[in-house]
Amino acid sequence: MAQQRISIETNVEYLKRYAYLERACMRTLAGWLPGVPEWEAKNEFGLHIWESADAADHLRARLRELRNYQPERNLSPTLQRLFAELDYAQNTAEVIATVYLVIKKALLEAYRTHPEVTWPDFDNPTVKITETLIPNTEKQVAWAEQYFSTIADRYSGWEAWRDYIAALLEADGGPTGAGPKRAAPQRPDERALLLPWKECQRMPDWPIFNPDEDIEPDRKADPEGHRLWRFKHYLNEMTAAETLGSILWMTPEMPWEYQHNVARHLWDEVRHSQLGQIRVQQLGLKIEEVPQVVQIYNVMMTLPAVEQYALLTTVIEPNGMPEKRANREHWEDIEDDVSAAAVSYDWSDENFHIRWGQKWTPVLLETYGYDETPEQIRDRMEAWLLENTPVKMQKRHAQGIA
């Protein structure tokens, strides 16, 4: 007897749920990026935010091919509740235990078995998509399982929250929704929503940046000192990623394309932090010895999300371009190919970020009821930056000094 296959309509419902769960993972990890103090977790979250966004984007594209243009319409109330509840984790262990060890593991099994339930010959584009999603999801789960074992004892009570999220998903029939339905469980306890984080978190023994001690060595007179100083600041671009995480979490009303772009922008900033990490380690420092410029995130979080996005993409990033050009030319002149390559890729990424800022700032202003033009909010944010940034380099860039 031939195995029974799902209809095209059921296939659409499966894919809608997959895409929604990937978006839920993206959103929760983005909101929690500033809130986890562990450096490894921050770096992995940054990559997985982008991978989850990209997975959702591929699934949404396939849904359009299957004539579904509203992928979040008519989703079950329990699934929507799960989407919101993920954010109510209280610590790193609860985030990893639920996002990865419940949701991502369930999605991995669904992706592996999807070719067995659809019509693989007729629905080959869907099979191709689920097959491409498996390797990244496997790596995400494998990282979480390994890393969780190193931090589980640091946090208490995470088991109850993991079991609750798992029970919510199971009550709604699992990732496909095809399993048996049952009454949704109650929360194991009352808990506060910690998002958005007003201050970004670091390990308690990590040094904090002192603006008064931030003296830039002369690029030509002290090239080694300047190089180390600059890549310390690159490492601190983690705060830009954390800011984008909170922006993404605080602007759910924006179109999906914007969310996808912000997720990529966030990952780019994590990569810029990593290029700083690589260089400071090559230059003889440990990551945990680099003072953390948490003040940038903390002061930007006094602004609404729209203003944060405009500040980052229409002020800070454009203002920094001349300095990047000068650094690349300097490092090429002294034949520091590694540093020149690092800043070259950063420079290319920033060009796209500026374009996204030009595209999405007007949409944010309209969506959230601002009566300013993009030019007006840019000018207001630049004046705000000069008054409030703790980083002298940002002030110099705003004043046109590379």
Protein backbone atom coordinates (compact mmCIF):
# COMPACT_ATOMS: atom_id res chain seq x y z
CA MET A 1 0.00 0.00 0.00
CA ALA A 2 1.39 3.33 -1.07
CA GLN A 3 2.17 5.84 1.67
CA GLN A 4 -0.48 8.53 2.00
CA ARG A 5 0.77 11.97 0.95
CA ILE A 6 -0.45 15.36 2.08
CA SER A 7 -2.42 17.65 -0.21
CA ILE A 8 -1.04 20.91 -1.55
CA GLU A 9 -3.27 22.77 0.90
CA THR A 10 -1.85 20.84 3.85
CA ASN A 11 1.64 21.35 2.50
CA VAL A 12 1.04 25.10 2.57
CA GLU A 13 -0.06 24.91 6.20
CA TYR A 14 3.07 22.97 7.14
CA LEU A 15 5.32 25.50 5.43
CA LYS A 16 3.50 28.41 7.05
CA ARG A 17 4.22 26.91 10.45
CA TYR A 18 7.87 26.23 9.63
CA ALA A 19 8.36 29.84 8.49
CA TYR A 20 6.57 31.19 11.55
CA LEU A 21 8.66 29.10 13.93
CA GLU A 22 11.88 30.21 12.21
CA ARG A 23 10.74 33.81 12.58
CA ALA A 24 9.96 33.18 16.25
CA CYS A 25 13.51 31.89 16.78
CA MET A 26 14.95 34.88 14.92
CA ARG A 27 12.93 37.33 16.97
CA THR A 28 13.63 35.82 20.38
CA LEU A 29 17.35 35.46 19.72
CA ALA A 30 17.49 39.05 18.44
CA GLY A 31 15.74 40.41 21.51
CA TRP A 32 17.96 38.36 23.79
CA LEU A 33 21.28 39.15 22.05
CA PRO A 34 21.98 42.07 24.43
CA GLY A 35 20.78 40.07 27.43
CA VAL A 36 23.13 37.09 27.37
CA PRO A 37 26.44 37.86 29.09
CA GLU A 38 28.33 34.92 27.57
CA TRP A 39 30.48 35.99 24.61
CA GLU A 40 30.25 32.68 22.75
CA ALA A 41 26.47 32.73 22.99
CA LYS A 42 26.35 36.25 21.58
CA ASN A 43 28.44 35.25 18.58
CA GLU A 44 26.40 32.13 17.86
CA PHE A 45 23.10 33.94 18.34
CA GLY A 46 24.20 36.52 15.78
CA LEU A 47 24.80 33.89 13.12
CA HIS A 48 21.65 31.95 13.97
CA ILE A 49 19.45 35.07 13.86
CA TRP A 50 20.51 35.50 10.25
CA GLU A 51 20.18 31.80 9.42
CA SER A 52 16.69 31.68 10.92
CA ALA A 53 15.68 34.79 8.99
CA ASP A 54 17.06 33.35 5.78
CA ALA A 55 15.29 30.03 6.38
CA ALA A 56 12.01 31.86 6.90
CA ASP A 57 12.63 33.88 3.75
CA HIS A 58 13.19 30.75 1.63
CA LEU A 59 10.04 29.17 3.04
CA ARG A 60 8.00 32.32 2.42
CA ALA A 61 9.28 32.42 -1.17
CA ARG A 62 8.11 28.85 -1.70
CA LEU A 63 4.73 29.73 -0.20
CA ARG A 64 4.34 32.49 -2.78
CA GLU A 65 5.03 29.93 -5.49
CA LEU A 66 2.23 27.84 -3.96
CA ARG A 67 -0.11 30.87 -4.23
CA ASN A 68 0.01 31.80 -0.55
CA TYR A 69 0.77 35.48 -0.05
CA GLN A 70 -0.20 35.83 3.61
CA PRO A 71 1.96 33.25 5.39
CA GLU A 72 0.97 34.38 8.89
CA ARG A 73 -2.77 34.40 8.27
CA ASN A 74 -5.00 31.91 10.12
CA LEU A 75 -2.24 30.43 12.25
CA SER A 76 -3.53 28.68 15.34
CA PRO A 77 -3.90 30.70 18.56
CA THR A 78 -1.67 28.23 20.41
CA LEU A 79 1.12 28.67 17.88
CA GLN A 80 0.79 32.44 18.15
CA ARG A 81 0.94 32.12 21.92
CA LEU A 82 4.12 30.06 21.61
CA PHE A 83 5.62 32.78 19.41
CA ALA A 84 5.07 35.36 22.14
CA GLU A 85 5.95 33.12 25.09
CA LEU A 86 9.46 32.35 23.82
CA ASP A 87 10.44 35.92 24.69
CA TYR A 88 9.65 35.37 28.38
CA ALA A 89 12.79 33.37 29.07
CA GLN A 90 14.74 34.68 32.05
CA ASN A 91 18.34 33.74 31.26
CA THR A 92 20.72 32.22 28.74
CA ALA A 93 19.87 28.65 29.72
CA GLU A 94 16.14 29.16 29.19
CA VAL A 95 16.70 30.77 25.81
CA ILE A 96 18.92 27.96 24.54
CA ALA A 97 16.80 25.19 26.09
CA THR A 98 13.66 26.45 24.33
CA VAL A 99 14.78 28.04 21.05
CA TYR A 100 17.30 25.34 20.17
CA LEU A 101 16.55 22.21 22.18
CA VAL A 102 12.79 22.43 21.65
CA ILE A 103 11.92 24.50 18.57
CA LYS A 104 14.99 23.98 16.39
CA LYS A 105 15.12 20.24 17.18
CA ALA A 106 11.47 19.91 16.23
CA LEU A 107 12.05 21.84 12.99
CA LEU A 108 15.04 19.66 12.19
CA GLU A 109 12.94 16.52 12.43
CA ALA A 110 10.22 18.14 10.31
CA TYR A 111 12.69 19.14 7.60
CA ARG A 112 14.17 15.64 7.55
CA THR A 113 10.80 13.95 7.16
CA HIS A 114 9.07 16.45 4.86
CA PRO A 115 10.06 14.61 1.65
CA GLU A 116 8.31 11.54 3.04
CA VAL A 117 4.96 13.29 3.50
CA THR A 118 4.76 15.53 0.44
CA TRP A 119 4.72 14.41 -3.21
CA PRO A 120 8.48 14.56 -3.82
CA ASP A 121 8.25 14.34 -7.61
CA PHE A 122 5.57 17.03 -7.92
CA ASP A 123 6.78 19.17 -5.00
CA ASN A 124 10.49 18.97 -5.68
CA PRO A 125 11.10 22.72 -5.02
CA THR A 126 9.86 22.27 -1.45
CA VAL A 127 12.01 19.17 -1.00
CA LYS A 128 15.04 21.11 -2.23
CA ILE A 129 14.36 23.89 0.28
CA THR A 130 13.93 21.59 3.26
CA GLU A 131 17.07 19.71 2.25
CA THR A 132 19.06 22.96 2.19
CA LEU A 133 17.75 23.93 5.64
CA ILE A 134 18.88 20.71 7.31
CA PRO A 135 22.68 21.32 7.52
CA ASN A 136 22.42 24.72 9.24
CA THR A 137 19.73 23.48 11.60
CA GLU A 138 21.85 20.45 12.48
CA LYS A 139 24.80 22.72 13.28
CA GLN A 140 22.62 25.00 15.40
CA VAL A 141 21.26 22.11 17.45
CA ALA A 142 24.68 20.49 17.79
CA TRP A 143 26.19 23.76 19.05
CA ALA A 144 23.35 24.25 21.54
CA GLU A 145 23.64 20.71 22.91
CA GLN A 146 27.37 21.04 23.40
CA TYR A 147 27.34 24.58 24.77
CA PHE A 148 24.34 24.05 27.03
CA SER A 149 26.22 21.42 28.96
CA THR A 150 28.82 24.06 29.89
CA ILE A 151 26.33 26.56 31.32
CA ALA A 152 23.37 24.51 32.61
CA ASP A 153 24.69 24.43 36.17
CA ARG A 154 25.08 28.21 36.14
CA TYR A 155 21.31 28.71 35.97
CA SER A 156 18.51 27.07 37.93
CA GLY A 157 14.91 26.28 37.06
CA TRP A 158 15.33 26.17 33.30
CA GLU A 159 13.83 22.67 33.10
CA ALA A 160 10.33 23.90 33.94
CA TRP A 161 10.43 26.58 31.23
CA ARG A 162 11.78 24.14 28.64
CA ASP A 163 9.04 21.63 29.48
CA TYR A 164 6.37 24.32 29.24
CA ILE A 165 7.46 25.49 25.77
CA ALA A 166 7.74 21.87 24.61
CA ALA A 167 4.24 21.17 25.92
CA LEU A 168 2.87 24.24 24.11
CA LEU A 169 4.30 23.05 20.81
CA GLU A 170 3.06 19.51 21.39
CA ALA A 171 -0.41 20.76 22.34
CA ASP A 172 -0.66 22.37 18.92
CA GLY A 173 0.29 19.22 17.03
CA GLY A 174 4.05 19.79 16.81
CA PRO A 175 5.86 21.79 14.15
CA THR A 176 3.54 20.60 11.37
CA GLY A 177 0.35 20.88 13.41
CA ALA A 178 -0.57 17.39 12.27
CA GLY A 179 -0.15 15.69 15.63
CA PRO A 180 -2.92 15.22 18.19
CA LYS A 181 -4.21 18.48 19.71
CA ARG A 182 -4.74 19.01 23.39
CA ALA A 183 -5.37 21.82 25.83
CA ALA A 184 -2.50 24.27 26.07
CA PRO A 185 -0.58 24.13 29.37
CA GLN A 186 -0.41 26.96 31.87
CA ARG A 187 2.77 28.84 32.56
CA PRO A 188 4.81 27.22 35.33
CA ASP A 189 5.21 30.57 37.08
CA GLU A 190 4.59 34.29 36.76
CA ARG A 191 7.48 36.03 35.12
CA ALA A 192 8.40 39.45 33.81
CA LEU A 193 9.17 40.23 30.19
CA LEU A 194 12.81 41.35 30.26
CA LEU A 195 12.79 42.55 26.64
CA PRO A 196 13.88 44.93 25.35
CA TRP A 197 17.06 45.02 27.39
CA LYS A 198 17.83 48.57 28.51
CA GLU A 199 21.46 47.69 29.21
CA CYS A 200 23.56 45.11 27.39
CA GLN A 201 25.09 42.39 29.51
CA ARG A 202 28.69 41.21 29.85
CA MET A 203 30.41 38.74 32.13
CA PRO A 204 30.94 40.40 35.53
CA ASP A 205 34.75 40.25 35.42
CA TRP A 206 35.08 41.87 31.97
CA PRO A 207 36.48 45.45 31.97
CA ILE A 208 34.22 48.34 30.98
CA PHE A 209 35.34 51.08 28.62
CA ASN A 210 36.46 54.39 30.14
CA PRO A 211 35.93 57.26 27.66
CA ASP A 212 38.57 59.38 29.38
CA GLU A 213 41.22 56.75 28.61
CA ASP A 214 40.27 56.36 24.94
CA ILE A 215 43.24 58.07 23.31
CA GLU A 216 43.72 57.36 19.60
CA PRO A 217 47.38 56.80 18.68
CA ASP A 218 48.61 58.60 15.59
CA ARG A 219 48.11 56.38 12.56
CA LYS A 220 51.51 57.15 11.00
CA ALA A 221 53.65 57.90 14.05
CA ASP A 222 52.48 54.83 15.98
CA PRO A 223 51.05 52.36 13.45
CA GLU A 224 51.14 49.37 15.80
CA GLY A 225 49.44 51.25 18.62
CA HIS A 226 46.83 52.66 16.25
CA ARG A 227 46.11 49.26 14.73
CA LEU A 228 45.51 47.66 18.15
CA TRP A 229 43.36 50.62 19.24
CA ARG A 230 41.25 50.40 16.08
CA PHE A 231 40.62 46.68 16.30
CA LYS A 232 39.63 46.98 19.96
CA HIS A 233 36.89 49.27 18.71
CA TYR A 234 36.02 46.77 15.99
CA LEU A 235 35.55 44.09 18.63
CA ASN A 236 33.07 46.44 20.30
CA GLU A 237 30.85 46.50 17.24
CA MET A 238 29.00 43.78 19.10
CA THR A 239 27.07 46.70 20.60
CA ALA A 240 25.87 47.66 17.11
CA ALA A 241 24.59 44.10 16.64
CA GLU A 242 22.91 44.22 20.05
CA THR A 243 21.25 47.52 19.15
CA LEU A 244 19.92 46.02 15.93
CA GLY A 245 18.64 43.03 17.90
CA SER A 246 16.53 45.28 20.08
CA ILE A 247 15.45 47.37 17.08
CA LEU A 248 14.32 44.21 15.29
CA TRP A 249 12.44 43.02 18.35
CA MET A 250 10.75 46.42 18.86
CA THR A 251 9.54 46.87 15.26
CA PRO A 252 7.42 43.78 14.50
CA GLU A 253 4.92 45.84 12.48
CA MET A 254 7.47 46.42 9.73
CA PRO A 255 7.41 44.39 6.48
CA TRP A 256 9.14 41.05 6.33
CA GLU A 257 11.77 42.32 3.89
CA TYR A 258 12.85 44.88 6.50
CA GLN A 259 13.11 42.19 9.18
CA HIS A 260 15.18 40.03 6.84
CA ASN A 261 17.50 42.97 6.06
CA VAL A 262 17.92 43.91 9.73
CA ALA A 263 18.76 40.30 10.60
CA ARG A 264 21.52 40.35 7.96
CA HIS A 265 22.70 43.79 9.15
CA LEU A 266 22.89 42.39 12.68
CA TRP A 267 24.96 39.42 11.60
CA ASP A 268 27.29 41.71 9.65
CA GLU A 269 27.97 43.67 12.84
CA VAL A 270 28.71 40.44 14.71
CA ARG A 271 31.15 39.57 11.92
CA HIS A 272 32.79 42.99 12.30
CA SER A 273 33.16 42.31 16.00
CA GLN A 274 34.72 38.97 15.11
CA LEU A 275 37.25 40.55 12.76
CA GLY A 276 38.22 42.77 15.70
CA GLN A 277 38.41 39.70 17.90
CA ILE A 278 40.67 37.89 15.43
CA ARG A 279 43.03 40.82 15.07
CA VAL A 280 43.37 41.66 18.78
CA GLN A 281 44.11 38.00 19.46
CA GLN A 282 46.71 37.98 16.69
CA LEU A 283 48.18 41.14 18.22
CA GLY A 284 48.56 39.49 21.62
CA LEU A 285 45.44 40.37 23.62
CA LYS A 286 42.71 38.16 25.02
CA ILE A 287 39.11 39.11 24.27
CA GLU A 288 38.27 39.40 27.93
CA GLU A 289 41.04 41.99 28.32
CA VAL A 290 39.41 44.44 25.89
CA PRO A 291 37.29 47.12 27.63
CA GLN A 292 33.65 46.76 26.58
CA VAL A 293 31.94 49.87 25.19
CA VAL A 294 28.54 48.98 26.64
CA GLN A 295 27.72 52.69 27.00
CA ILE A 296 26.86 52.98 23.29
CA TYR A 297 24.07 50.44 23.52
CA ASN A 298 22.85 51.74 26.86
CA VAL A 299 22.57 55.36 25.74
CA MET A 300 20.95 54.45 22.41
CA MET A 301 18.30 52.49 24.28
CA THR A 302 17.04 55.79 25.71
CA LEU A 303 15.73 56.47 22.18
CA PRO A 304 12.75 54.87 20.41
CA ALA A 305 13.61 52.14 17.90
CA VAL A 306 12.91 54.35 14.87
CA GLU A 307 15.42 56.92 16.06
CA GLN A 308 17.99 54.26 16.89
CA TYR A 309 17.75 52.87 13.37
CA ALA A 310 18.03 56.31 11.78
CA LEU A 311 20.99 57.17 14.02
CA LEU A 312 22.84 53.99 13.11
CA THR A 313 22.17 53.86 9.36
CA THR A 314 21.93 57.53 8.34
CA VAL A 315 24.46 59.05 10.75
CA ILE A 316 26.97 56.70 12.39
CA GLU A 317 27.65 54.40 9.44
CA PRO A 318 27.85 57.09 6.71
CA ASN A 319 30.02 59.28 8.94
CA GLY A 320 32.48 56.44 9.46
CA MET A 321 33.17 55.77 5.77
CA PRO A 322 36.05 58.27 5.29
CA GLU A 323 37.91 56.78 8.26
CA LYS A 324 37.54 53.27 6.81
CA ARG A 325 38.98 54.46 3.50
CA ALA A 326 41.90 56.16 5.25
CA ASN A 327 42.64 53.04 7.32
CA ARG A 328 42.56 50.77 4.29
CA GLU A 329 44.94 53.02 2.35
CA HIS A 330 47.25 53.27 5.37
CA TRP A 331 47.36 49.51 5.94
CA GLU A 332 47.94 48.85 2.25
CA ASP A 333 50.78 51.39 2.29
CA ILE A 334 52.53 49.61 5.16
CA GLU A 335 51.73 46.18 3.63
CA ASP A 336 49.47 45.05 6.46
CA ASP A 337 47.36 42.88 4.17
CA VAL A 338 45.35 41.28 6.98
CA SER A 339 44.12 44.57 8.43
CA ALA A 340 43.47 45.98 4.95
CA ALA A 341 41.38 42.95 4.02
CA ALA A 342 39.40 43.14 7.25
CA VAL A 343 38.46 46.78 6.80
CA SER A 344 37.70 46.21 3.10
CA TYR A 345 34.96 43.71 3.90
CA ASP A 346 33.63 45.91 6.68
CA TRP A 347 33.55 48.83 4.23
CA SER A 348 31.56 46.80 1.69
CA ASP A 349 29.04 45.69 4.30
CA GLU A 350 28.53 49.25 5.51
CA ASN A 351 27.61 50.40 2.01
CA PHE A 352 24.65 48.02 2.05
CA HIS A 353 23.67 49.12 5.56
CA ILE A 354 23.54 52.73 4.41
CA ARG A 355 21.34 51.76 1.45
CA TRP A 356 19.01 49.88 3.78
CA GLY A 357 18.87 52.96 6.01
CA GLN A 358 17.88 55.08 3.02
CA LYS A 359 15.20 52.54 2.10
CA TRP A 360 13.72 51.76 5.50
CA THR A 361 14.00 54.99 7.48
CA PRO A 362 11.13 56.60 5.52
CA VAL A 363 9.01 53.47 6.03
CA LEU A 364 9.74 53.45 9.77
CA LEU A 365 8.83 57.13 10.02
CA GLU A 366 5.50 56.52 8.30
CA THR A 367 4.73 53.28 10.12
CA TYR A 368 5.31 54.76 13.58
CA GLY A 369 3.72 58.15 12.97
CA TYR A 370 6.68 60.54 12.76
CA ASP A 371 6.12 63.87 11.01
CA GLU A 372 9.82 64.31 10.17
CA THR A 373 11.51 63.77 6.84
CA PRO A 374 14.50 61.38 6.67
CA GLU A 375 16.76 64.44 6.37
CA GLN A 376 15.27 66.05 9.46
CA ILE A 377 15.61 62.97 11.64
CA ARG A 378 19.17 62.47 10.35
CA ASP A 379 20.11 66.01 11.39
CA ARG A 380 18.41 65.63 14.77
CA MET A 381 20.15 62.32 15.42
CA GLU A 382 23.55 63.71 14.46
CA ALA A 383 23.08 66.54 16.96
CA TRP A 384 21.99 63.97 19.55
CA LEU A 385 25.09 61.89 18.83
CA LEU A 386 27.45 64.81 19.38
CA GLU A 387 25.83 65.43 22.73
CA ASN A 388 25.47 61.86 23.97
CA THR A 389 28.02 59.44 22.51
CA PRO A 390 30.74 58.29 24.91
CA VAL A 391 33.08 57.49 21.99
CA LYS A 392 35.33 60.31 20.80
CA MET A 393 35.80 58.61 17.42
CA GLN A 394 32.07 58.94 16.69
CA LYS A 395 32.20 62.63 17.54
CA ARG A 396 35.13 63.16 15.20
CA HIS A 397 33.33 61.34 12.41
CA ALA A 398 30.23 63.50 12.94
CA GLN A 399 32.46 66.57 12.67
CA GLY A 400 33.94 65.27 9.41
CA ILE A 401 37.34 64.35 10.84
CA ALA A 402 38.71 61.04 9.58
